[in-house]
Each structure stands twice: as C-alpha cells, then as structure tokens.
Amino acid sequence: MLRRTLWLGLRRGLLGRELGTRRGGSTLDWDGKVSDIKKKIQSILPGGAWKPLYDTSHLPPEQADVVIVGGGVLGLSVAYWLKRLEKQRGAIRVLVVERDHTYSQASTVLSVGGIRQQFSLPENIQLSLFSAEFLRNINEYLAVVDDPPLDLQFNPSGYLFLASEKGAATMENNVKVQRQEGAKVCLMSPEQLRKKFPWINTEGVALASYGLENEGWFDPWCLLQGLRRKVQSMGVLFCQGEVTRFVSSSTHMETISGEEVTLKRIHEVQVKMDCSQEYQPVECAIVVNAAGAWSGQIAELAGVGKGLPGTLQGTKLPVEPRKRYVYLWHCPQGPGLEAPLVADLSGVYFRREGLGNKYLGGCSPAEEEEPDPGNLEVDHDFFQEKVWPPLAWRVPAFETLKVQRAWAGYYDYNTFDQNGVVGPHPLIVNMYFATGFSGHGLQQAPAVGRAVAEMVLEGHFQTINLSPFLFTRFYLGEKALEHCIL
C-alpha cells in the first residue's frame, strides 16, 4: 500500500511538471531530478534496492588464506609466486597489507636499483642469477593483457669491485665461488684497470673484479609497479593499513633436550585502517612478514623473542631500520657511458645516472656513526666529510663535482650477519619471513618470493636451497657471513 501511494503521488507530480515544462525550461534537467527521486523512494520501500549506509570498499576481507605484511617488492614477489604456483587458479586468497600506498618511504623506490652476482655466498649468487634472468625477461613474467609492456631501463654496465693488497686474496676466493655458480666475472690487475677505465686512480688497488654479464642497474619503481599490476590481475587483494595485533592459539610441548617451548599459530590479523581509528580483523591461515625495516616490530607483535634470553623462545628477529644516504651530483668531466657501478675499497660507491654526466653514490657509515633512523633527513656534511674525499681520490675528475640533490632510505638491516631471513619461524608455525637483506633485497626479490612460496606451498625449498637463511640460525649462532656488502 505504501509503495502504491508513493508511486501515485510521484506520478501526479510528474504529470503536473510535464505540463509546466512544455511551457519552457529543461525537460532533461527535470528527468535527472526524477531519477534521483525514484532512487531515494526505492531505497526506503520494502523490497526495494538496498544501498549500504556505510562504504566498506576500503576494508580488507574478513578472511584470507595468506596475509602478507608489507607491499614492497619482496611482499609483492611472494604474492606473485603464490598465485603463479597455486595448483588451481583462484585456489589461494592472498591479501597484501601496506601502510604507505604512496611508497614515499619505501626502501624499494629510494634505492639505487643495482643488481650483481658478486657475492661471497653461493646462495646470494644463485638468488641474483635468477633475479637477473627474471628482470631481463620481465614481460614474460609480468605481462598483463591490454596493458603496455614494462621497460625496466636495465643498464648492464656491470659492477667493479676494488681491493687492496690485504683484500686481494678474499676477492680471488669470492670470484672463484662466483664462477663456480655460473656468474661471468673477471679479475683485473691495476694495469688492466687503467687501460679499460683510464679515469680511475689505481693507487692502493691491488686487484679488481668486474661483472661481465647480468650486472648493472634498473628502475626500481617500474619493477614495483609491474609486480603490483600483475598480482592485481591475478586476483591478489590490497589493503592500506597497519598491522597492529595478531590473535593466536598456543600449545605447550617439551623438546628432546628437555626445554619447554610454546608453539603458536596465528588465527587472525588485526589491521588499523589508514587515517582512521577502525580496526578490521582478518582470519588467515598463513602470515608472511615482508615488512622490511619494520619487520622486527611485526615479529615482536606476533610474540617472536618473548621468552628467556638464550632460548629459542627468547630469540628475536635481529632486523632494524638503518638510514642510508644517496647523493646525486653533476660532473661534466666525469666517467663516460661505459662506467660501471664502482665499489671502492673505502666503502664508497657510485654509478652513472642517465646520459647527462650525472652520478649517484654514497657509502655506509661506521657502526658507531649510524644516523638516527627516526626520520629521513639527509646529512649533507656526511657527503663532504666521508664520501667526497675518497671519491675525488679514486676519480680525480670528481674534484669538481656539484651535488644537486640527495635523499635517504632505509635498509632492513640484519644485525646478526647482514643476510636475508627466509622461511618459517620454528615456533610460530604459520609465520614466514622475507626480510633482513640489508641492502640487497630489491635485486633478489624475484628469487626470494619464489623461495617463500615454495616453502608455504610445498613445505621445503625446491629451486634454491636457502636453509642457511632460516630463522633458526639466530638461536644456533650460525652466521651466514657475506663478505661483499655495500
């Protein structure tokens, strides 16, 4: 009856209005108003079209099979490989939670975008070899129908590491391992170095190693956006928010040695929505901690390290944010287009940026000089005092350089051995890690994502054995020492 009464009233109004519009005015304008009125009436009538009073489109789903904390390249790579390796299309519901949708402070986009195989550990070399293949064939992996192809602007100019007399033997051993794993690297004497790169001052250099293939730099932002576009096309869900709590159940058990431990399983992730006081619970089966520099805090939220010191229960994830500066300078007489990324024996590095005699570079500070990671402000005195002097010594043309701008970014710094943490936590049985790479996570992300997905889906590493990077090494004191860290 209510519906009929309202409709008859509306019809009478319409008839009167139609007569009026014939005398002047816009029929189209009135038709639009009538449409709005109809929608409003329909929404209050029994059985009418229902429209929610509150928009929930920004909220994450109530359930997901896998929740990935961190939407940088490592988290996105895990999402990509989970979907690529799933047995049945659409079988796994993946949610990526990222608190900074602009990526303005993301390690990915603030890095110099380098990739190399010149590491000392076979695992790192294998990771970077696969990642180089992935990047070189990026559109075979990340193409999306009807979208333009990706252009990573990969520049294969190589890396050039310099060593003193003291470090020469270590460099020789490293290159031997690199060649055994399939990397194309050559050793160069100071004379060979001067001949190939006459702009280098070779004083103090006893030996150099030079990457001949699959080394150089690329556009990190393009890789990030390419991964994000691809995983969205594969059905991965995204949420802008911050993980603030885990809800878990516990089981107590005793180890063979008699130590009592508590096994935990996370059942729910609570997400605080951006610019809001809302909290959305998400039930899940698996959590992947790919939160980069903040992954130590996420691990602590889950209960990692909350036990007696010296026990497995009390072993923390030793990953913390470390601030690193990158400087961009111009030098008209600087090295030409053939210049590789140079890693000086002082710790200073640089590479060419574009075609206009511009260069990027910096160096890691000494342990006792680590800057405050509470902000991303740049210390310009650091360049004047620590970076420029060794730069100008190694490349005399840089004596006349002019810094044009600078920025700072974060390393997800593993204080234990500066290497990645990959795979499950031994006690929080459904939390997995993809973090702690201390500056080489971007270049190894494609391979690391595959490794984590293999572990989640199959229970073991299948393509590259990353057992030395498992969390348990922190408890056992077994460092996976990498000697080639920038």
Protein backbone atom coordinates (compact mmCIF):
# COMPACT_ATOMS: atom_id res chain seq x y z
CA MET A 1 0.00 0.00 0.00
CA LEU A 2 2.84 2.37 0.92
CA ARG A 3 4.57 1.65 -2.35
CA ARG A 4 1.34 2.32 -4.36
CA THR A 5 0.58 5.58 -2.51
CA LEU A 6 4.09 6.95 -3.04
CA TRP A 7 4.10 5.95 -6.69
CA LEU A 8 0.70 7.58 -7.39
CA GLY A 9 1.87 10.76 -5.68
CA LEU A 10 5.00 10.76 -7.73
CA ARG A 11 3.01 10.23 -10.95
CA ARG A 12 0.69 13.22 -10.20
CA GLY A 13 3.74 15.41 -9.59
CA LEU A 14 5.31 14.23 -12.79
CA LEU A 15 2.19 14.94 -14.86
CA GLY A 16 1.96 18.46 -13.48
CA ARG A 17 5.65 19.04 -14.07
CA GLU A 18 5.38 17.75 -17.66
CA LEU A 19 2.74 20.33 -18.42
CA GLY A 20 4.92 23.04 -16.95
CA THR A 21 8.00 22.03 -18.91
CA ARG A 22 6.12 22.29 -22.18
CA ARG A 23 5.79 26.00 -21.48
CA GLY A 24 9.59 26.39 -21.02
CA GLY A 25 12.58 25.05 -19.07
CA SER A 26 14.67 21.91 -19.47
CA THR A 27 13.00 18.52 -19.66
CA LEU A 28 16.42 16.85 -19.35
CA ASP A 29 17.12 18.61 -16.05
CA TRP A 30 13.80 17.50 -14.64
CA ASP A 31 14.28 13.92 -15.85
CA GLY A 32 17.54 13.77 -13.92
CA LYS A 33 15.83 15.00 -10.75
CA VAL A 34 13.04 12.48 -11.18
CA SER A 35 15.61 9.70 -11.50
CA ASP A 36 17.20 10.75 -8.21
CA ILE A 37 13.81 10.93 -6.50
CA LYS A 38 12.91 7.46 -7.76
CA LYS A 39 16.16 6.05 -6.38
CA LYS A 40 15.57 7.62 -2.98
CA ILE A 41 11.99 6.32 -2.79
CA GLN A 42 13.02 2.87 -3.92
CA SER A 43 15.71 2.68 -1.25
CA ILE A 44 13.14 3.11 1.58
CA LEU A 45 10.44 0.83 0.18
CA PRO A 46 10.19 -2.80 1.39
CA GLY A 47 11.88 -4.99 -1.17
CA GLY A 48 13.50 -2.03 -2.86
CA ALA A 49 17.12 -1.97 -3.98
CA TRP A 50 19.38 -1.91 -0.90
CA LYS A 51 22.25 0.52 -0.66
CA PRO A 52 24.65 0.26 2.29
CA LEU A 53 24.68 3.20 4.63
CA TYR A 54 28.46 2.85 5.07
CA ASP A 55 31.11 2.34 2.38
CA THR A 56 33.25 -0.70 3.23
CA SER A 57 35.18 -0.92 -0.04
CA HIS A 58 38.40 0.25 1.66
CA LEU A 59 38.31 -2.52 4.26
CA PRO A 60 40.23 -5.77 3.86
CA PRO A 61 38.29 -9.03 3.54
CA GLU A 62 37.23 -10.86 6.68
CA GLN A 63 39.15 -13.96 5.61
CA ALA A 64 42.28 -14.64 3.55
CA ASP A 65 44.41 -17.72 3.11
CA VAL A 66 47.65 -15.71 3.19
CA VAL A 67 48.19 -12.26 4.67
CA ILE A 68 51.41 -10.59 3.50
CA VAL A 69 52.55 -7.76 5.76
CA GLY A 70 54.41 -5.31 3.52
CA GLY A 71 53.68 -4.35 -0.08
CA GLY A 72 57.21 -3.61 -1.30
CA VAL A 73 58.92 -5.73 -3.96
CA LEU A 74 59.59 -8.63 -1.57
CA GLY A 75 55.98 -8.84 -0.41
CA LEU A 76 54.66 -8.45 -3.96
CA SER A 77 57.07 -11.09 -5.22
CA VAL A 78 55.79 -13.56 -2.62
CA ALA A 79 52.22 -12.76 -3.70
CA TYR A 80 53.13 -13.24 -7.37
CA TRP A 81 54.74 -16.63 -6.86
CA LEU A 82 51.97 -17.89 -4.56
CA LYS A 83 49.47 -17.21 -7.32
CA ARG A 84 51.72 -18.49 -10.09
CA LEU A 85 52.48 -21.75 -8.30
CA GLU A 86 49.00 -22.46 -6.94
CA LYS A 87 47.66 -25.81 -8.16
CA GLN A 88 44.28 -24.46 -9.21
CA ARG A 89 43.55 -20.95 -10.44
CA GLY A 90 41.94 -18.91 -7.68
CA ALA A 91 42.65 -21.54 -5.03
CA ILE A 92 44.62 -19.20 -2.75
CA ARG A 93 43.22 -15.91 -1.48
CA VAL A 94 46.13 -13.55 -0.89
CA LEU A 95 45.89 -10.20 0.90
CA VAL A 96 48.75 -7.66 0.89
CA VAL A 97 48.68 -5.08 3.70
CA GLU A 98 50.75 -1.94 3.06
CA ARG A 99 50.60 1.13 5.27
CA ASP A 100 52.15 3.58 2.77
CA HIS A 101 50.25 3.39 -0.52
CA THR A 102 52.40 6.19 -1.95
CA TYR A 103 55.61 4.23 -1.23
CA SER A 104 57.20 7.57 -0.39
CA GLN A 105 59.40 6.00 2.30
CA ALA A 106 59.71 2.54 0.80
CA SER A 107 63.21 1.08 0.59
CA THR A 108 62.40 -0.13 -2.93
CA VAL A 109 61.94 3.25 -4.57
CA LEU A 110 64.66 5.05 -2.58
CA SER A 111 67.41 2.60 -3.57
CA VAL A 112 69.94 2.94 -6.39
CA GLY A 113 68.49 -0.10 -8.17
CA GLY A 114 71.62 -2.20 -8.53
CA ILE A 115 71.88 -5.91 -9.31
CA ARG A 116 75.02 -8.04 -9.10
CA GLN A 117 76.26 -11.60 -8.69
CA GLN A 118 79.47 -10.55 -6.95
CA PHE A 119 78.75 -12.04 -3.53
CA SER A 120 80.75 -14.46 -1.42
CA LEU A 121 77.91 -16.86 -0.50
CA PRO A 122 76.68 -19.33 -3.15
CA GLU A 123 73.06 -18.73 -2.06
CA ASN A 124 73.30 -14.99 -2.72
CA ILE A 125 74.90 -15.60 -6.10
CA GLN A 126 72.15 -18.06 -7.09
CA LEU A 127 69.43 -15.67 -5.93
CA SER A 128 70.83 -12.83 -8.02
CA LEU A 129 71.42 -15.02 -11.07
CA PHE A 130 67.77 -16.00 -11.16
CA SER A 131 66.65 -12.43 -10.46
CA ALA A 132 68.78 -11.19 -13.37
CA GLU A 133 67.06 -13.71 -15.67
CA PHE A 134 63.68 -12.57 -14.32
CA LEU A 135 64.46 -8.90 -14.93
CA ARG A 136 65.85 -9.49 -18.42
CA ASN A 137 62.64 -11.33 -19.36
CA ILE A 138 60.33 -9.17 -17.28
CA ASN A 139 57.46 -9.12 -19.75
CA GLU A 140 57.38 -12.90 -19.99
CA TYR A 141 56.70 -12.96 -16.24
CA LEU A 142 54.69 -9.80 -15.60
CA ALA A 143 52.82 -9.06 -18.83
CA VAL A 144 49.14 -8.12 -18.38
CA VAL A 145 46.69 -8.37 -21.28
CA ASP A 146 45.93 -5.00 -22.90
CA ASP A 147 48.49 -3.18 -20.71
CA PRO A 148 51.70 -1.72 -22.18
CA PRO A 149 54.94 -3.72 -21.73
CA LEU A 150 57.29 -2.84 -18.89
CA ASP A 151 60.56 -1.05 -19.55
CA LEU A 152 62.91 -1.53 -16.60
CA GLN A 153 65.60 0.54 -18.32
CA PHE A 154 68.08 -2.15 -17.37
CA ASN A 155 71.63 -0.90 -17.82
CA PRO A 156 74.04 -3.88 -17.97
CA SER A 157 77.22 -1.90 -17.25
CA GLY A 158 78.38 -4.26 -14.51
CA TYR A 159 79.87 -3.80 -11.06
CA LEU A 160 83.54 -3.07 -10.46
CA PHE A 161 84.88 -4.00 -7.02
CA LEU A 162 88.32 -2.75 -5.97
CA ALA A 163 90.54 -4.47 -3.42
CA SER A 164 93.73 -3.56 -1.58
CA GLU A 165 96.69 -5.88 -1.09
CA LYS A 166 95.08 -7.02 2.14
CA GLY A 167 91.74 -7.84 0.49
CA ALA A 168 93.07 -9.35 -2.73
CA ALA A 169 93.08 -12.98 -1.54
CA THR A 170 89.48 -12.70 -0.34
CA MET A 171 88.46 -11.22 -3.68
CA GLU A 172 90.12 -14.09 -5.54
CA ASN A 173 88.25 -16.63 -3.41
CA ASN A 174 84.97 -14.79 -3.95
CA VAL A 175 85.41 -14.74 -7.72
CA LYS A 176 86.20 -18.45 -7.70
CA VAL A 177 82.88 -19.15 -5.96
CA GLN A 178 81.03 -16.78 -8.29
CA ARG A 179 82.38 -18.54 -11.37
CA GLN A 180 81.51 -21.95 -9.92
CA GLU A 181 77.89 -20.80 -9.56
CA GLY A 182 77.76 -19.60 -13.17
CA ALA A 183 78.45 -15.87 -12.82
CA LYS A 184 80.53 -14.18 -15.50
CA VAL A 185 83.17 -12.23 -13.54
CA CYS A 186 86.78 -11.43 -14.39
CA LEU A 187 89.75 -10.33 -12.30
CA MET A 188 91.73 -7.28 -13.39
CA SER A 189 95.21 -6.09 -12.45
CA PRO A 190 95.86 -2.37 -11.83
CA GLU A 191 97.38 -2.14 -15.31
CA GLN A 192 94.33 -3.71 -16.95
CA LEU A 193 92.12 -1.45 -14.87
CA ARG A 194 93.90 1.70 -16.05
CA LYS A 195 93.69 0.57 -19.65
CA LYS A 196 89.96 -0.13 -19.58
CA PHE A 197 88.95 2.75 -17.26
CA PRO A 198 91.60 5.48 -17.62
CA TRP A 199 89.63 7.83 -15.36
CA ILE A 200 90.42 5.67 -12.30
CA ASN A 201 93.34 6.37 -10.00
CA THR A 202 94.64 2.86 -9.22
CA GLU A 203 96.89 3.84 -6.32
CA GLY A 204 96.29 1.44 -3.44
CA VAL A 205 94.44 -1.02 -5.68
CA ALA A 206 95.98 -4.48 -5.91
CA LEU A 207 93.12 -6.26 -7.67
CA ALA A 208 89.67 -5.61 -9.16
CA SER A 209 86.72 -7.84 -10.06
CA TYR A 210 84.40 -6.86 -12.89
CA GLY A 211 80.97 -8.32 -13.74
CA LEU A 212 80.71 -9.09 -17.44
CA GLU A 213 77.06 -10.15 -17.62
CA ASN A 214 73.76 -9.66 -15.76
CA GLU A 215 75.07 -6.84 -13.56
CA GLY A 216 74.16 -3.19 -13.58
CA TRP A 217 71.10 -1.23 -12.51
CA PHE A 218 67.42 -0.77 -13.35
CA ASP A 219 64.34 1.28 -12.44
CA PRO A 220 63.03 0.04 -9.04
CA TRP A 221 59.75 1.94 -9.36
CA CYS A 222 58.97 0.18 -12.64
CA LEU A 223 59.55 -3.24 -11.05
CA LEU A 224 57.35 -2.34 -8.08
CA GLN A 225 54.50 -1.10 -10.27
CA GLY A 226 54.87 -4.03 -12.66
CA LEU A 227 54.58 -6.55 -9.82
CA ARG A 228 51.64 -4.70 -8.31
CA ARG A 229 49.80 -4.54 -11.63
CA LYS A 230 50.42 -8.22 -12.31
CA VAL A 231 49.33 -9.56 -8.92
CA GLN A 232 46.16 -7.47 -9.05
CA SER A 233 45.36 -9.10 -12.40
CA MET A 234 45.91 -12.47 -10.70
CA GLY A 235 43.35 -11.69 -8.01
CA VAL A 236 45.56 -10.56 -5.14
CA LEU A 237 43.78 -8.18 -2.76
CA PHE A 238 45.29 -4.99 -1.32
CA CYS A 239 44.61 -3.06 1.84
CA GLN A 240 46.06 0.25 3.00
CA GLY A 241 46.56 -0.06 6.73
CA GLU A 242 48.87 -1.10 9.53
CA VAL A 243 49.00 -4.46 11.25
CA THR A 244 48.71 -3.79 14.98
CA ARG A 245 47.90 -7.17 16.55
CA PHE A 246 47.93 -10.91 16.00
CA VAL A 247 45.45 -13.28 17.63
CA SER A 248 46.93 -16.73 18.14
CA SER A 249 46.48 -20.00 19.98
CA SER A 250 49.22 -21.78 21.95
CA THR A 251 50.34 -25.35 22.54
CA HIS A 252 52.99 -26.28 25.12
CA MET A 253 55.49 -29.03 24.43
CA GLU A 254 58.91 -30.24 25.54
CA THR A 255 61.93 -30.69 23.25
CA ILE A 256 64.25 -33.70 23.23
CA SER A 257 66.72 -31.73 25.36
CA GLY A 258 64.02 -31.08 27.95
CA GLU A 259 63.42 -27.43 27.09
CA GLU A 260 59.78 -26.40 27.35
CA VAL A 261 58.58 -24.42 24.36
CA THR A 262 55.30 -22.90 23.29
CA LEU A 263 54.08 -23.41 19.74
CA LYS A 264 51.83 -20.68 18.42
CA ARG A 265 49.50 -20.46 15.47
CA ILE A 266 48.18 -17.12 14.25
CA HIS A 267 44.45 -17.17 13.50
CA GLU A 268 43.71 -13.51 12.99
CA VAL A 269 45.50 -10.35 11.89
CA GLN A 270 44.11 -7.03 13.05
CA VAL A 271 44.57 -4.13 10.64
CA LYS A 272 44.23 -0.49 11.64
CA MET A 273 42.86 1.40 8.69
CA ASP A 274 44.72 4.41 7.33
CA CYS A 275 43.66 7.83 8.70
CA SER A 276 41.06 6.17 10.89
CA GLN A 277 40.53 4.52 14.26
CA GLU A 278 38.91 1.49 12.62
CA TYR A 279 40.34 -1.97 13.21
CA GLN A 280 39.49 -4.76 10.83
CA PRO A 281 40.12 -8.40 11.83
CA VAL A 282 41.21 -10.77 9.07
CA GLU A 283 41.14 -14.51 9.67
CA CYS A 284 44.04 -16.27 7.96
CA ALA A 285 45.99 -19.50 7.64
CA ILE A 286 49.44 -18.05 6.83
CA VAL A 287 51.23 -14.76 7.62
CA VAL A 288 54.27 -13.59 5.64
CA ASN A 289 56.40 -10.95 7.34
CA ALA A 290 57.81 -8.84 4.49
CA ALA A 291 57.68 -5.55 6.37
CA GLY A 292 61.25 -4.58 5.52
CA ALA A 293 62.95 -2.29 8.01
CA TRP A 294 59.94 -2.67 10.34
CA SER A 295 59.76 -6.47 10.22
CA GLY A 296 61.42 -6.74 13.64
CA GLN A 297 58.49 -4.82 15.13
CA ILE A 298 55.96 -7.02 13.31
CA ALA A 299 57.73 -10.14 14.60
CA GLU A 300 57.60 -8.79 18.14
CA LEU A 301 53.85 -8.17 17.80
CA ALA A 302 53.49 -11.87 16.98
CA GLY A 303 55.45 -12.86 20.10
CA VAL A 304 58.83 -13.54 18.47
CA GLY A 305 61.61 -13.16 21.05
CA LYS A 306 59.30 -13.05 24.05
CA GLY A 307 60.99 -15.63 26.21
CA LEU A 308 64.07 -16.19 28.33
CA PRO A 309 67.34 -14.93 26.75
CA GLY A 310 69.36 -17.75 25.25
CA THR A 311 66.31 -19.87 24.48
CA LEU A 312 64.61 -20.42 21.14
CA GLN A 313 61.53 -18.76 22.62
CA GLY A 314 63.59 -15.71 23.53
CA THR A 315 65.40 -15.36 20.19
CA LYS A 316 64.47 -12.11 18.48
CA LEU A 317 64.37 -11.28 14.79
CA PRO A 318 67.51 -9.09 14.59
CA VAL A 319 66.23 -6.75 11.87
CA GLU A 320 66.08 -3.00 12.39
CA PRO A 321 65.89 0.15 10.24
CA ARG A 322 69.22 1.68 9.23
CA LYS A 323 69.25 5.01 7.39
CA ARG A 324 71.36 5.32 4.25
CA TYR A 325 72.01 8.46 2.20
CA VAL A 326 72.08 8.65 -1.59
CA TYR A 327 73.59 11.71 -3.28
CA LEU A 328 73.13 12.84 -6.88
CA TRP A 329 75.82 15.01 -8.41
CA HIS A 330 76.80 16.51 -11.74
CA CYS A 331 80.32 16.38 -13.14
CA PRO A 332 80.90 17.39 -16.80
CA GLN A 333 84.32 15.70 -16.93
CA GLY A 334 83.22 12.54 -15.09
CA PRO A 335 83.39 8.92 -16.35
CA GLY A 336 81.59 8.22 -19.63
CA LEU A 337 78.84 5.86 -20.69
CA GLU A 338 80.99 2.77 -20.21
CA ALA A 339 81.33 3.39 -16.45
CA PRO A 340 80.17 0.50 -14.24
CA LEU A 341 78.94 0.77 -10.68
CA VAL A 342 82.22 1.20 -8.81
CA ALA A 343 82.65 -0.10 -5.26
CA ASP A 344 85.80 1.46 -3.86
CA LEU A 345 87.89 -0.23 -1.19
CA SER A 346 86.98 2.70 1.11
CA GLY A 347 83.33 1.60 1.06
CA VAL A 348 82.24 4.47 -1.20
CA TYR A 349 80.28 3.53 -4.34
CA PHE A 350 78.93 5.39 -7.35
CA ARG A 351 77.25 4.79 -10.69
CA ARG A 352 76.19 6.83 -13.67
CA GLU A 353 72.61 8.19 -13.72
CA GLY A 354 71.21 8.87 -17.17
CA LEU A 355 73.13 10.47 -20.02
CA GLY A 356 73.85 13.95 -18.70
CA ASN A 357 77.05 13.44 -16.70
CA LYS A 358 75.12 12.77 -13.51
CA TYR A 359 76.04 10.21 -10.89
CA LEU A 360 74.53 8.53 -7.84
CA GLY A 361 76.53 7.36 -4.86
CA GLY A 362 77.17 7.18 -1.15
CA CYS A 363 78.57 4.82 1.48
CA SER A 364 77.52 3.06 4.66
CA PRO A 365 78.60 4.79 7.89
CA ALA A 366 80.74 3.16 10.55
CA GLU A 367 78.79 1.30 13.23
CA GLU A 368 79.47 3.99 15.81
CA GLU A 369 78.29 6.70 13.39
CA GLU A 370 74.91 5.21 12.46
CA PRO A 371 72.41 8.09 11.99
CA ASP A 372 69.07 8.32 13.76
CA PRO A 373 66.55 6.24 11.77
CA GLY A 374 63.64 8.18 13.25
CA ASN A 375 63.47 10.40 10.16
CA LEU A 376 64.70 10.57 6.58
CA GLU A 377 66.55 13.85 6.81
CA VAL A 378 69.81 13.98 4.86
CA ASP A 379 73.15 14.81 6.47
CA HIS A 380 74.95 16.85 3.80
CA ASP A 381 78.09 17.06 5.93
CA PHE A 382 78.38 13.28 5.61
CA PHE A 383 78.99 13.71 1.89
CA GLN A 384 81.55 16.45 2.41
CA GLU A 385 83.48 14.55 5.08
CA LYS A 386 83.04 10.84 4.29
CA VAL A 387 82.01 10.43 0.65
CA TRP A 388 83.59 13.16 -1.43
CA PRO A 389 87.26 12.79 -0.30
CA PRO A 390 87.60 9.10 -1.30
CA LEU A 391 85.51 9.74 -4.44
CA ALA A 392 87.82 12.52 -5.60
CA TRP A 393 90.86 10.42 -4.74
CA ARG A 394 89.67 7.46 -6.80
CA VAL A 395 88.24 9.55 -9.69
CA PRO A 396 90.16 12.86 -9.88
CA ALA A 397 87.50 14.36 -12.17
CA PHE A 398 85.11 14.29 -9.19
CA GLU A 399 87.08 17.05 -7.51
CA THR A 400 84.86 19.49 -9.42
CA LEU A 401 81.52 17.74 -8.88
CA LYS A 402 78.44 19.61 -7.67
CA VAL A 403 75.79 17.86 -5.60
CA GLN A 404 72.34 18.58 -6.99
CA ARG A 405 70.12 16.72 -4.58
CA ALA A 406 70.10 13.94 -2.01
CA TRP A 407 67.69 11.64 -0.20
CA ALA A 408 67.68 8.96 2.46
CA GLY A 409 66.14 5.49 2.57
CA TYR A 410 66.06 2.51 4.89
CA TYR A 411 67.95 -0.76 4.93
CA ASP A 412 66.15 -3.69 6.58
CA TYR A 413 69.40 -4.28 8.41
CA ASN A 414 70.09 -7.73 9.85
CA THR A 415 72.45 -7.00 12.76
CA PHE A 416 73.40 -10.68 13.07
CA ASP A 417 75.04 -11.31 9.68
CA GLN A 418 73.59 -8.80 7.18
CA ASN A 419 71.84 -11.53 5.23
CA GLY A 420 68.23 -12.33 4.47
CA VAL A 421 65.79 -14.24 6.65
CA VAL A 422 63.70 -16.61 4.55
CA GLY A 423 61.20 -19.26 5.56
CA PRO A 424 59.12 -20.19 8.62
CA HIS A 425 59.54 -19.33 12.27
CA PRO A 426 60.23 -22.52 14.24
CA LEU A 427 57.68 -21.80 16.99
CA ILE A 428 55.10 -19.52 15.38
CA VAL A 429 54.36 -22.24 12.92
CA ASN A 430 52.41 -20.24 10.30
CA MET A 431 54.57 -17.11 10.18
CA TYR A 432 57.08 -16.90 7.33
CA PHE A 433 59.84 -14.35 6.74
CA ALA A 434 61.10 -12.49 3.67
CA THR A 435 63.24 -9.76 5.18
CA GLY A 436 66.61 -8.66 6.54
CA PHE A 437 68.57 -8.42 3.29
CA SER A 438 70.48 -5.35 4.43
CA GLY A 439 70.54 -3.57 1.09
CA HIS A 440 70.29 -6.39 -1.47
CA GLY A 441 66.60 -7.29 -1.09
CA LEU A 442 65.44 -5.40 -4.17
CA GLN A 443 67.75 -7.23 -6.55
CA GLN A 444 66.98 -10.65 -5.03
CA ALA A 445 63.23 -10.15 -4.62
CA PRO A 446 62.11 -12.27 -7.61
CA ALA A 447 64.04 -15.30 -6.37
CA VAL A 448 63.20 -14.79 -2.68
CA GLY A 449 59.49 -14.55 -3.44
CA ARG A 450 59.68 -17.85 -5.27
CA ALA A 451 61.54 -19.48 -2.37
CA VAL A 452 58.99 -18.36 0.22
CA ALA A 453 56.09 -19.52 -1.97
CA GLU A 454 57.75 -22.92 -2.36
CA MET A 455 58.10 -23.22 1.40
CA VAL A 456 54.49 -22.21 2.01
CA LEU A 457 53.03 -24.49 -0.67
CA GLU A 458 55.40 -27.47 -0.58
CA GLY A 459 56.99 -27.30 2.87
CA HIS A 460 60.56 -27.06 1.55
CA PHE A 461 62.79 -25.08 -0.82
CA GLN A 462 62.70 -26.54 -4.32
CA THR A 463 64.80 -24.42 -6.68
CA ILE A 464 67.44 -22.78 -4.44
CA ASN A 465 68.24 -24.24 -1.03
CA LEU A 466 68.13 -21.28 1.36
CA SER A 467 68.47 -23.30 4.57
CA PRO A 468 71.40 -21.11 5.73
CA PHE A 469 68.93 -18.17 5.78
CA LEU A 470 66.40 -19.81 8.10
CA PHE A 471 65.46 -18.09 11.38
CA THR A 472 66.94 -20.93 13.48
CA ARG A 473 70.48 -19.73 12.76
CA PHE A 474 70.00 -16.85 15.20
CA TYR A 475 69.37 -19.30 18.04
CA LEU A 476 72.17 -21.64 16.97
CA GLY A 477 74.66 -18.79 16.44
CA GLU A 478 75.40 -19.96 12.88
CA LYS A 479 76.16 -16.82 10.88
CA ALA A 480 75.75 -16.79 7.12
CA LEU A 481 78.55 -14.30 6.65
CA GLU A 482 78.58 -12.31 3.43
CA HIS A 483 81.86 -10.53 2.67
CA CYS A 484 80.59 -8.40 -0.25
CA ILE A 485 78.28 -5.89 1.42
CA LEU A 486 77.84 -2.31 0.21
